[in-house]
Amino acid sequence: MKLTYRSALATCGLAATLLAAGCGSLSEREKATAIGAGVGGVAGSVLSNGSAVGTVGGAAVGGVIGNQVGKRKEGN
C-alpha cells in the first residue's frame, strides 16, 4: 500500500507531538540530539527512496549534528 503525502504528514505531526510530550525531563543537548536524529532519519529515507540503510544512516548523522548543536546551546 502506498503511503500518501497526507498520511505521512499526519504521522510526522503525531510523532513530533509525542516526542515533545516525552522530552520534558531531557536536557537541551538531549532534545537537540533526538530532534536531529528524527529529522536525519526522515531526510535519509527521502534521499534513499525509503531504504532502511539510508534511514538509519540519516538518523545517525542527524543525531550527531543535533548533539553538537545542543552542546553549543548549553554553552559547553
Protein backbone atom coordinates (compact mmCIF):
# COMPACT_ATOMS: atom_id res chain seq x y z
CA MET A 1 0.00 0.00 0.00
CA LYS A 2 1.37 3.39 -0.97
CA LEU A 3 1.87 5.95 1.72
CA THR A 4 0.21 9.18 0.70
CA TYR A 5 1.58 12.62 1.40
CA ARG A 6 -1.30 13.45 3.73
CA SER A 7 -0.91 10.34 5.88
CA ALA A 8 2.87 10.82 6.01
CA LEU A 9 2.38 14.40 7.18
CA ALA A 10 -0.13 13.30 9.82
CA THR A 11 2.25 10.59 11.05
CA CYS A 12 5.13 13.06 11.31
CA GLY A 13 2.92 15.50 13.20
CA LEU A 14 1.83 12.82 15.65
CA ALA A 15 5.42 11.66 16.15
CA ALA A 16 6.56 15.23 16.80
CA THR A 17 3.78 15.73 19.35
CA LEU A 18 4.64 12.53 21.19
CA LEU A 19 8.34 13.37 21.12
CA ALA A 20 7.72 16.83 22.55
CA ALA A 21 5.49 15.42 25.29
CA GLY A 22 8.08 12.86 26.31
CA CYS A 23 11.01 15.28 26.39
CA GLY A 24 10.08 17.28 29.46
CA SER A 25 12.93 16.00 31.59
CA LEU A 26 15.61 15.94 28.90
CA SER A 27 18.46 18.42 28.78
CA GLU A 28 18.76 20.85 25.87
CA ARG A 29 21.51 18.69 24.37
CA GLU A 30 19.42 15.50 24.60
CA LYS A 31 16.44 17.23 22.99
CA ALA A 32 18.60 18.52 20.15
CA THR A 33 20.05 15.03 19.64
CA ALA A 34 16.58 13.45 19.44
CA ILE A 35 15.29 16.10 17.06
CA GLY A 36 18.39 15.79 14.88
CA ALA A 37 18.01 12.02 14.72
CA GLY A 38 14.35 12.35 13.73
CA VAL A 39 15.00 14.92 11.04
CA GLY A 40 18.03 13.00 9.79
CA GLY A 41 16.05 9.77 9.62
CA VAL A 42 13.31 11.38 7.55
CA ALA A 43 15.86 13.06 5.28
CA GLY A 44 17.80 9.82 4.86
CA SER A 45 14.63 7.96 3.99
CA VAL A 46 13.60 10.55 1.42
CA LEU A 47 17.03 10.74 -0.17
CA SER A 48 17.42 6.96 -0.37
CA ASN A 49 13.86 6.26 -1.57
CA GLY A 50 12.88 4.53 1.67
CA SER A 51 15.99 2.39 2.11
CA ALA A 52 16.45 1.18 5.69
CA VAL A 53 20.19 1.80 5.47
CA GLY A 54 19.61 5.36 4.28
CA THR A 55 17.10 5.98 7.07
CA VAL A 56 19.37 4.64 9.81
CA GLY A 57 22.38 6.43 8.37
CA GLY A 58 20.47 9.70 8.21
CA ALA A 59 19.28 9.27 11.79
CA ALA A 60 22.84 8.62 12.97
CA VAL A 61 24.26 11.64 11.18
CA GLY A 62 21.35 13.83 12.29
CA GLY A 63 21.79 12.70 15.89
CA VAL A 64 25.47 13.62 15.86
CA ILE A 65 24.72 17.03 14.35
CA GLY A 66 21.90 17.62 16.84
CA ASN A 67 24.18 16.63 19.70
CA GLN A 68 26.76 19.21 18.68
CA VAL A 69 24.11 21.91 18.23
CA GLY A 70 22.76 21.10 21.70
CA LYS A 71 26.27 21.25 23.12
CA ARG A 72 26.63 24.81 21.81
CA LYS A 73 23.22 25.79 23.18
CA GLU A 74 24.21 24.62 26.65
CA GLY A 75 27.42 26.63 26.42
CA ASN A 76 29.81 23.70 26.95
